[in-house]
Amino acid sequence: MDSHGNLYGTTYGEGAYAYGNVFKLTPSRNGWIYTDLHDFTNYSDGANPDAQIILDENGNLYGTASQGGNIHGGGYGTVWEITP
């Protein structure tokens, strides 16, 4: 959770390409607003994130993906960063 009350998470095997995604939930008066921050493609960005998200003091998000990491597809995983 960040200082504004936003929650961050990942999915495994979901998202636009079925390789997982990173999302943000923003609190609102009527519940939560869902924002898709990144959809993994199984190429250089990785696939199937499977670890806790780390949030730094600047709002950058970090995590790992268990697969992908190769520009041609496949690979052994990646460390990823999302900068707001």
PDB file of N, CA and C in Angstrom:
ATOM      1  N   MET A   1       0.852  -1.172   0.000  1.00  0.00           N
ATOM      2  CA  MET A   1       0.000   0.000   0.000  1.00  0.00           C
ATOM      3  C   MET A   1       0.899   1.236   0.000  1.00  0.00           C
ATOM      4  N   ASP A   2       0.550   2.231  -0.805  1.00  0.00           N
ATOM      5  CA  ASP A   2       1.326   3.468  -0.806  1.00  0.00           C
ATOM      6  C   ASP A   2       0.718   4.482   0.167  1.00  0.00           C
ATOM      7  N   SER A   3       1.316   5.654   0.240  1.00  0.00           N
ATOM      8  CA  SER A   3       0.881   6.671   1.206  1.00  0.00           C
ATOM      9  C   SER A   3      -0.491   7.257   0.883  1.00  0.00           C
ATOM     10  N   HIS A   4      -1.018   6.999  -0.327  1.00  0.00           N
ATOM     11  CA  HIS A   4      -2.343   7.483  -0.718  1.00  0.00           C
ATOM     12  C   HIS A   4      -3.422   6.417  -0.531  1.00  0.00           C
ATOM     13  N   GLY A   5      -3.036   5.249  -0.025  1.00  0.00           N
ATOM     14  CA  GLY A   5      -3.994   4.172   0.190  1.00  0.00           C
ATOM     15  C   GLY A   5      -4.210   3.273  -1.007  1.00  0.00           C
ATOM     16  N   ASN A   6      -3.416   3.453  -2.077  1.00  0.00           N
ATOM     17  CA  ASN A   6      -3.521   2.576  -3.240  1.00  0.00           C
ATOM     18  C   ASN A   6      -2.900   1.224  -2.924  1.00  0.00           C
ATOM     19  N   LEU A   7      -3.531   0.175  -3.391  1.00  0.00           N
ATOM     20  CA  LEU A   7      -3.009  -1.180  -3.238  1.00  0.00           C
ATOM     21  C   LEU A   7      -2.458  -1.654  -4.572  1.00  0.00           C
ATOM     22  N   TYR A   8      -1.382  -2.419  -4.517  1.00  0.00           N
ATOM     23  CA  TYR A   8      -0.749  -2.944  -5.733  1.00  0.00           C
ATOM     24  C   TYR A   8      -0.689  -4.453  -5.648  1.00  0.00           C
ATOM     25  N   GLY A   9      -0.819  -5.111  -6.796  1.00  0.00           N
ATOM     26  CA  GLY A   9      -0.761  -6.559  -6.819  1.00  0.00           C
ATOM     27  C   GLY A   9      -0.421  -7.080  -8.197  1.00  0.00           C
ATOM     28  N   THR A  10      -0.268  -8.391  -8.275  1.00  0.00           N
ATOM     29  CA  THR A  10       0.011  -9.052  -9.547  1.00  0.00           C
ATOM     30  C   THR A  10      -0.942 -10.227  -9.716  1.00  0.00           C
ATOM     31  N   THR A  11      -1.092 -10.649 -10.954  1.00  0.00           N
ATOM     32  CA  THR A  11      -1.810 -11.875 -11.253  1.00  0.00           C
ATOM     33  C   THR A  11      -0.850 -12.823 -11.966  1.00  0.00           C
ATOM     34  N   TYR A  12      -1.098 -14.092 -11.831  1.00  0.00           N
ATOM     35  CA  TYR A  12      -0.288 -15.124 -12.464  1.00  0.00           C
ATOM     36  C   TYR A  12      -1.142 -15.776 -13.544  1.00  0.00           C
ATOM     37  N   GLY A  13      -0.712 -15.653 -14.797  1.00  0.00           N
ATOM     38  CA  GLY A  13      -1.458 -16.282 -15.882  1.00  0.00           C
ATOM     39  C   GLY A  13      -2.700 -15.539 -16.324  1.00  0.00           C
ATOM     40  N   GLU A  14      -2.854 -14.315 -15.917  1.00  0.00           N
ATOM     41  CA  GLU A  14      -4.006 -13.504 -16.336  1.00  0.00           C
ATOM     42  C   GLU A  14      -3.494 -12.349 -17.194  1.00  0.00           C
ATOM     43  N   GLY A  15      -4.261 -11.303 -17.338  1.00  0.00           N
ATOM     44  CA  GLY A  15      -3.860 -10.134 -18.114  1.00  0.00           C
ATOM     45  C   GLY A  15      -4.172 -10.303 -19.588  1.00  0.00           C
ATOM     46  N   ALA A  16      -3.818  -9.303 -20.358  1.00  0.00           N
ATOM     47  CA  ALA A  16      -4.158  -9.254 -21.781  1.00  0.00           C
ATOM     48  C   ALA A  16      -3.538 -10.388 -22.592  1.00  0.00           C
ATOM     49  N   TYR A  17      -2.376 -10.900 -22.162  1.00  0.00           N
ATOM     50  CA  TYR A  17      -1.682 -11.945 -22.923  1.00  0.00           C
ATOM     51  C   TYR A  17      -1.633 -13.283 -22.176  1.00  0.00           C
ATOM     52  N   ALA A  18      -2.316 -13.365 -21.041  1.00  0.00           N
ATOM     53  CA  ALA A  18      -2.377 -14.578 -20.215  1.00  0.00           C
ATOM     54  C   ALA A  18      -1.025 -14.947 -19.603  1.00  0.00           C
ATOM     55  N   TYR A  19      -0.147 -13.937 -19.388  1.00  0.00           N
ATOM     56  CA  TYR A  19       1.135 -14.162 -18.721  1.00  0.00           C
ATOM     57  C   TYR A  19       1.244 -13.337 -17.437  1.00  0.00           C
ATOM     58  N   GLY A  20       0.139 -12.889 -16.920  1.00  0.00           N
ATOM     59  CA  GLY A  20       0.127 -12.113 -15.691  1.00  0.00           C
ATOM     60  C   GLY A  20       0.151 -10.617 -15.946  1.00  0.00           C
ATOM     61  N   ASN A  21      -0.157  -9.874 -14.889  1.00  0.00           N
ATOM     62  CA  ASN A  21      -0.108  -8.418 -14.989  1.00  0.00           C
ATOM     63  C   ASN A  21       0.162  -7.810 -13.614  1.00  0.00           C
ATOM     64  N   VAL A  22       0.430  -6.508 -13.626  1.00  0.00           N
ATOM     65  CA  VAL A  22       0.590  -5.709 -12.409  1.00  0.00           C
ATOM     66  C   VAL A  22      -0.561  -4.716 -12.408  1.00  0.00           C
ATOM     67  N   PHE A  23      -1.205  -4.555 -11.252  1.00  0.00           N
ATOM     68  CA  PHE A  23      -2.365  -3.666 -11.194  1.00  0.00           C
ATOM     69  C   PHE A  23      -2.320  -2.797  -9.943  1.00  0.00           C
ATOM     70  N   LYS A  24      -3.140  -1.741  -9.986  1.00  0.00           N
ATOM     71  CA  LYS A  24      -3.313  -0.837  -8.853  1.00  0.00           C
ATOM     72  C   LYS A  24      -4.795  -0.751  -8.527  1.00  0.00           C
ATOM     73  N   LEU A  25      -5.121  -0.758  -7.244  1.00  0.00           N
ATOM     74  CA  LEU A  25      -6.480  -0.517  -6.773  1.00  0.00           C
ATOM     75  C   LEU A  25      -6.481   0.798  -6.006  1.00  0.00           C
ATOM     76  N   THR A  26      -7.284   1.748  -6.482  1.00  0.00           N
ATOM     77  CA  THR A  26      -7.378   3.067  -5.876  1.00  0.00           C
ATOM     78  C   THR A  26      -8.692   3.172  -5.113  1.00  0.00           C
ATOM     79  N   PRO A  27      -8.621   3.555  -3.830  1.00  0.00           N
ATOM     80  CA  PRO A  27      -9.865   3.673  -3.076  1.00  0.00           C
ATOM     81  C   PRO A  27     -10.728   4.811  -3.622  1.00  0.00           C
ATOM     82  N   SER A  28     -12.024   4.573  -3.668  1.00  0.00           N
ATOM     83  CA  SER A  28     -12.960   5.612  -4.092  1.00  0.00           C
ATOM     84  C   SER A  28     -14.188   5.543  -3.192  1.00  0.00           C
ATOM     85  N   ARG A  29     -15.040   6.471  -3.344  1.00  0.00           N
ATOM     86  CA  ARG A  29     -16.259   6.546  -2.538  1.00  0.00           C
ATOM     87  C   ARG A  29     -17.137   5.310  -2.707  1.00  0.00           C
ATOM     88  N   ASN A  30     -17.108   4.711  -3.899  1.00  0.00           N
ATOM     89  CA  ASN A  30     -17.973   3.566  -4.202  1.00  0.00           C
ATOM     90  C   ASN A  30     -17.235   2.237  -4.230  1.00  0.00           C
ATOM     91  N   GLY A  31     -16.052   2.157  -3.660  1.00  0.00           N
ATOM     92  CA  GLY A  31     -15.293   0.904  -3.673  1.00  0.00           C
ATOM     93  C   GLY A  31     -13.872   1.145  -4.138  1.00  0.00           C
ATOM     94  N   TRP A  32     -13.441   0.378  -5.108  1.00  0.00           N
ATOM     95  CA  TRP A  32     -12.073   0.450  -5.622  1.00  0.00           C
ATOM     96  C   TRP A  32     -12.081   0.670  -7.122  1.00  0.00           C
ATOM     97  N   ILE A  33     -11.106   1.427  -7.612  1.00  0.00           N
ATOM     98  CA  ILE A  33     -10.910   1.624  -9.051  1.00  0.00           C
ATOM     99  C   ILE A  33      -9.702   0.793  -9.464  1.00  0.00           C
ATOM    100  N   TYR A  34      -9.909  -0.097 -10.434  1.00  0.00           N
ATOM    101  CA  TYR A  34      -8.870  -1.000 -10.933  1.00  0.00           C
ATOM    102  C   TYR A  34      -8.126  -0.346 -12.087  1.00  0.00           C
ATOM    103  N   THR A  35      -6.778  -0.337 -12.026  1.00  0.00           N
ATOM    104  CA  THR A  35      -5.945   0.156 -13.117  1.00  0.00           C
ATOM    105  C   THR A  35      -4.916  -0.908 -13.466  1.00  0.00           C
ATOM    106  N   ASP A  36      -4.886  -1.326 -14.719  1.00  0.00           N
ATOM    107  CA  ASP A  36      -3.895  -2.286 -15.200  1.00  0.00           C
ATOM    108  C   ASP A  36      -2.617  -1.503 -15.513  1.00  0.00           C
ATOM    109  N   LEU A  37      -1.528  -1.786 -14.808  1.00  0.00           N
ATOM    110  CA  LEU A  37      -0.273  -1.052 -14.998  1.00  0.00           C
ATOM    111  C   LEU A  37       0.641  -1.693 -16.033  1.00  0.00           C
ATOM    112  N   HIS A  38       0.591  -3.012 -16.154  1.00  0.00           N
ATOM    113  CA  HIS A  38       1.441  -3.706 -17.132  1.00  0.00           C
ATOM    114  C   HIS A  38       0.923  -5.116 -17.356  1.00  0.00           C
ATOM    115  N   ASP A  39       0.910  -5.537 -18.621  1.00  0.00           N
ATOM    116  CA  ASP A  39       0.571  -6.913 -18.989  1.00  0.00           C
ATOM    117  C   ASP A  39       1.841  -7.584 -19.506  1.00  0.00           C
ATOM    118  N   PHE A  40       2.265  -8.654 -18.854  1.00  0.00           N
ATOM    119  CA  PHE A  40       3.476  -9.367 -19.259  1.00  0.00           C
ATOM    120  C   PHE A  40       3.239 -10.117 -20.560  1.00  0.00           C
ATOM    121  N   THR A  41       4.305 -10.214 -21.382  1.00  0.00           N
ATOM    122  CA  THR A  41       4.195 -10.797 -22.714  1.00  0.00           C
ATOM    123  C   THR A  41       4.975 -12.095 -22.897  1.00  0.00           C
ATOM    124  N   ASN A  42       5.756 -12.508 -21.913  1.00  0.00           N
ATOM    125  CA  ASN A  42       6.628 -13.686 -21.981  1.00  0.00           C
ATOM    126  C   ASN A  42       7.847 -13.437 -22.854  1.00  0.00           C
ATOM    127  N   TYR A  43       8.126 -12.196 -23.172  1.00  0.00           N
ATOM    128  CA  TYR A  43       9.349 -11.850 -23.897  1.00  0.00           C
ATOM    129  C   TYR A  43      10.299 -11.184 -22.906  1.00  0.00           C
ATOM    130  N   SER A  44      10.948 -10.102 -23.280  1.00  0.00           N
ATOM    131  CA  SER A  44      11.963  -9.498 -22.408  1.00  0.00           C
ATOM    132  C   SER A  44      11.397  -8.956 -21.104  1.00  0.00           C
ATOM    133  N   ASP A  45      10.107  -8.689 -21.045  1.00  0.00           N
ATOM    134  CA  ASP A  45       9.504  -8.171 -19.805  1.00  0.00           C
ATOM    135  C   ASP A  45       9.148  -9.265 -18.804  1.00  0.00           C
ATOM    136  N   GLY A  46       9.221 -10.523 -19.210  1.00  0.00           N
ATOM    137  CA  GLY A  46       8.937 -11.627 -18.296  1.00  0.00           C
ATOM    138  C   GLY A  46       7.539 -12.174 -18.456  1.00  0.00           C
ATOM    139  N   ALA A  47       7.221 -13.111 -17.556  1.00  0.00           N
ATOM    140  CA  ALA A  47       5.906 -13.749 -17.547  1.00  0.00           C
ATOM    141  C   ALA A  47       5.654 -14.331 -16.165  1.00  0.00           C
ATOM    142  N   ASN A  48       4.392 -14.321 -15.763  1.00  0.00           N
ATOM    143  CA  ASN A  48       3.946 -14.949 -14.522  1.00  0.00           C
ATOM    144  C   ASN A  48       4.679 -14.439 -13.277  1.00  0.00           C
ATOM    145  N   PRO A  49       4.407 -13.185 -12.895  1.00  0.00           N
ATOM    146  CA  PRO A  49       5.003 -12.650 -11.674  1.00  0.00           C
ATOM    147  C   PRO A  49       4.580 -13.491 -10.476  1.00  0.00           C
ATOM    148  N   ASP A  50       5.521 -13.737  -9.583  1.00  0.00           N
ATOM    149  CA  ASP A  50       5.202 -14.664  -8.507  1.00  0.00           C
ATOM    150  C   ASP A  50       5.785 -14.288  -7.151  1.00  0.00           C
ATOM    151  N   ALA A  51       6.168 -13.046  -6.972  1.00  0.00           N
ATOM    152  CA  ALA A  51       6.727 -12.623  -5.688  1.00  0.00           C
ATOM    153  C   ALA A  51       6.050 -11.335  -5.226  1.00  0.00           C
ATOM    154  N   GLN A  52       6.251 -11.021  -3.981  1.00  0.00           N
ATOM    155  CA  GLN A  52       5.693  -9.800  -3.398  1.00  0.00           C
ATOM    156  C   GLN A  52       6.231  -8.567  -4.119  1.00  0.00           C
ATOM    157  N   ILE A  53       5.397  -7.558  -4.285  1.00  0.00           N
ATOM    158  CA  ILE A  53       5.814  -6.291  -4.874  1.00  0.00           C
ATOM    159  C   ILE A  53       6.527  -5.463  -3.817  1.00  0.00           C
ATOM    160  N   ILE A  54       7.614  -4.821  -4.231  1.00  0.00           N
ATOM    161  CA  ILE A  54       8.329  -3.893  -3.360  1.00  0.00           C
ATOM    162  C   ILE A  54       8.051  -2.488  -3.880  1.00  0.00           C
ATOM    163  N   LEU A  55       7.690  -1.592  -2.990  1.00  0.00           N
ATOM    164  CA  LEU A  55       7.378  -0.201  -3.325  1.00  0.00           C
ATOM    165  C   LEU A  55       8.422   0.671  -2.654  1.00  0.00           C
ATOM    166  N   ASP A  56       9.162   1.485  -3.436  1.00  0.00           N
ATOM    167  CA  ASP A  56      10.165   2.360  -2.824  1.00  0.00           C
ATOM    168  C   ASP A  56       9.572   3.725  -2.480  1.00  0.00           C
ATOM    169  N   GLU A  57      10.371   4.593  -1.860  1.00  0.00           N
ATOM    170  CA  GLU A  57       9.885   5.895  -1.389  1.00  0.00           C
ATOM    171  C   GLU A  57       9.482   6.834  -2.517  1.00  0.00           C
ATOM    172  N   ASN A  58       9.905   6.541  -3.747  1.00  0.00           N
ATOM    173  CA  ASN A  58       9.532   7.364  -4.905  1.00  0.00           C
ATOM    174  C   ASN A  58       8.309   6.827  -5.635  1.00  0.00           C
ATOM    175  N   GLY A  59       7.749   5.726  -5.157  1.00  0.00           N
ATOM    176  CA  GLY A  59       6.574   5.149  -5.784  1.00  0.00           C
ATOM    177  C   GLY A  59       6.878   4.141  -6.874  1.00  0.00           C
ATOM    178  N   ASN A  60       8.162   3.789  -7.068  1.00  0.00           N
ATOM    179  CA  ASN A  60       8.529   2.767  -8.049  1.00  0.00           C
ATOM    180  C   ASN A  60       8.172   1.391  -7.506  1.00  0.00           C
ATOM    181  N   LEU A  61       7.701   0.526  -8.387  1.00  0.00           N
ATOM    182  CA  LEU A  61       7.327  -0.837  -8.024  1.00  0.00           C
ATOM    183  C   LEU A  61       8.363  -1.801  -8.579  1.00  0.00           C
ATOM    184  N   TYR A  62       8.720  -2.817  -7.779  1.00  0.00           N
ATOM    185  CA  TYR A  62       9.690  -3.830  -8.191  1.00  0.00           C
ATOM    186  C   TYR A  62       9.138  -5.208  -7.876  1.00  0.00           C
ATOM    187  N   GLY A  63       9.512  -6.178  -8.692  1.00  0.00           N
ATOM    188  CA  GLY A  63       9.114  -7.554  -8.440  1.00  0.00           C
ATOM    189  C   GLY A  63       9.870  -8.499  -9.352  1.00  0.00           C
ATOM    190  N   THR A  64       9.516  -9.761  -9.300  1.00  0.00           N
ATOM    191  CA  THR A  64      10.126 -10.760 -10.159  1.00  0.00           C
ATOM    192  C   THR A  64       9.047 -11.520 -10.910  1.00  0.00           C
ATOM    193  N   ALA A  65       9.447 -12.034 -12.061  1.00  0.00           N
ATOM    194  CA  ALA A  65       8.583 -12.904 -12.852  1.00  0.00           C
ATOM    195  C   ALA A  65       9.314 -14.229 -13.024  1.00  0.00           C
ATOM    196  N   SER A  66       8.608 -15.318 -12.904  1.00  0.00           N
ATOM    197  CA  SER A  66       9.243 -16.632 -12.895  1.00  0.00           C
ATOM    198  C   SER A  66       9.623 -17.151 -14.276  1.00  0.00           C
ATOM    199  N   GLN A  67       9.092 -16.523 -15.327  1.00  0.00           N
ATOM    200  CA  GLN A  67       9.374 -16.977 -16.682  1.00  0.00           C
ATOM    201  C   GLN A  67       9.613 -15.773 -17.570  1.00  0.00           C
ATOM    202  N   GLY A  68       9.883 -16.024 -18.847  1.00  0.00           N
ATOM    203  CA  GLY A  68      10.153 -14.950 -19.790  1.00  0.00           C
ATOM    204  C   GLY A  68      11.548 -14.402 -19.592  1.00  0.00           C
ATOM    205  N   GLY A  69      11.804 -13.214 -20.131  1.00  0.00           N
ATOM    206  CA  GLY A  69      13.105 -12.591 -19.988  1.00  0.00           C
ATOM    207  C   GLY A  69      13.990 -12.712 -21.201  1.00  0.00           C
ATOM    208  N   ASN A  70      13.492 -13.313 -22.259  1.00  0.00           N
ATOM    209  CA  ASN A  70      14.251 -13.482 -23.481  1.00  0.00           C
ATOM    210  C   ASN A  70      13.518 -12.721 -24.587  1.00  0.00           C
ATOM    211  N   ILE A  71      14.246 -12.002 -25.427  1.00  0.00           N
ATOM    212  CA  ILE A  71      13.576 -11.211 -26.471  1.00  0.00           C
ATOM    213  C   ILE A  71      12.851 -12.074 -27.501  1.00  0.00           C
ATOM    214  N   HIS A  72      13.161 -13.371 -27.542  1.00  0.00           N
ATOM    215  CA  HIS A  72      12.517 -14.273 -28.491  1.00  0.00           C
ATOM    216  C   HIS A  72      11.441 -15.134 -27.840  1.00  0.00           C
ATOM    217  N   GLY A  73      11.147 -14.887 -26.576  1.00  0.00           N
ATOM    218  CA  GLY A  73      10.166 -15.688 -25.852  1.00  0.00           C
ATOM    219  C   GLY A  73      10.863 -16.732 -25.000  1.00  0.00           C
ATOM    220  N   GLY A  74      10.186 -17.169 -23.971  1.00  0.00           N
ATOM    221  CA  GLY A  74      10.782 -18.140 -23.052  1.00  0.00           C
ATOM    222  C   GLY A  74      11.756 -17.457 -22.108  1.00  0.00           C
ATOM    223  N   GLY A  75      12.677 -18.203 -21.560  1.00  0.00           N
ATOM    224  CA  GLY A  75      13.657 -17.644 -20.641  1.00  0.00           C
ATOM    225  C   GLY A  75      13.415 -18.122 -19.221  1.00  0.00           C
ATOM    226  N   TYR A  76      14.219 -17.601 -18.301  1.00  0.00           N
ATOM    227  CA  TYR A  76      14.211 -18.066 -16.920  1.00  0.00           C
ATOM    228  C   TYR A  76      13.710 -17.035 -15.925  1.00  0.00           C
ATOM    229  N   GLY A  77      13.061 -15.999 -16.413  1.00  0.00           N
ATOM    230  CA  GLY A  77      12.482 -15.007 -15.511  1.00  0.00           C
ATOM    231  C   GLY A  77      13.192 -13.677 -15.552  1.00  0.00           C
ATOM    232  N   THR A  78      12.614 -12.714 -14.855  1.00  0.00           N
ATOM    233  CA  THR A  78      13.137 -11.350 -14.859  1.00  0.00           C
ATOM    234  C   THR A  78      12.906 -10.685 -13.510  1.00  0.00           C
ATOM    235  N   VAL A  79      13.617  -9.596 -13.313  1.00  0.00           N
ATOM    236  CA  VAL A  79      13.301  -8.627 -12.275  1.00  0.00           C
ATOM    237  C   VAL A  79      12.706  -7.443 -13.023  1.00  0.00           C
ATOM    238  N   TRP A  80      11.570  -6.947 -12.574  1.00  0.00           N
ATOM    239  CA  TRP A  80      10.918  -5.848 -13.292  1.00  0.00           C
ATOM    240  C   TRP A  80      10.768  -4.620 -12.393  1.00  0.00           C
ATOM    241  N   GLU A  81      10.618  -3.473 -13.060  1.00  0.00           N
ATOM    242  CA  GLU A  81      10.385  -2.205 -12.377  1.00  0.00           C
ATOM    243  C   GLU A  81       9.315  -1.440 -13.142  1.00  0.00           C
ATOM    244  N   ILE A  82       8.402  -0.839 -12.414  1.00  0.00           N
ATOM    245  CA  ILE A  82       7.410   0.054 -13.003  1.00  0.00           C
ATOM    246  C   ILE A  82       7.567   1.400 -12.310  1.00  0.00           C
ATOM    247  N   THR A  83       7.786   2.448 -13.115  1.00  0.00           N
ATOM    248  CA  THR A  83       7.925   3.797 -12.612  1.00  0.00           C
ATOM    249  C   THR A  83       6.649   4.563 -12.915  1.00  0.00           C
ATOM    250  N   PRO A  84       6.002   5.109 -11.878  1.00  0.00           N
ATOM    251  CA  PRO A  84       4.738   5.809 -12.130  1.00  0.00           C
ATOM    252  C   PRO A  84       4.927   7.079 -12.962  1.00  0.00           C
TER     253      PRO A  84
END
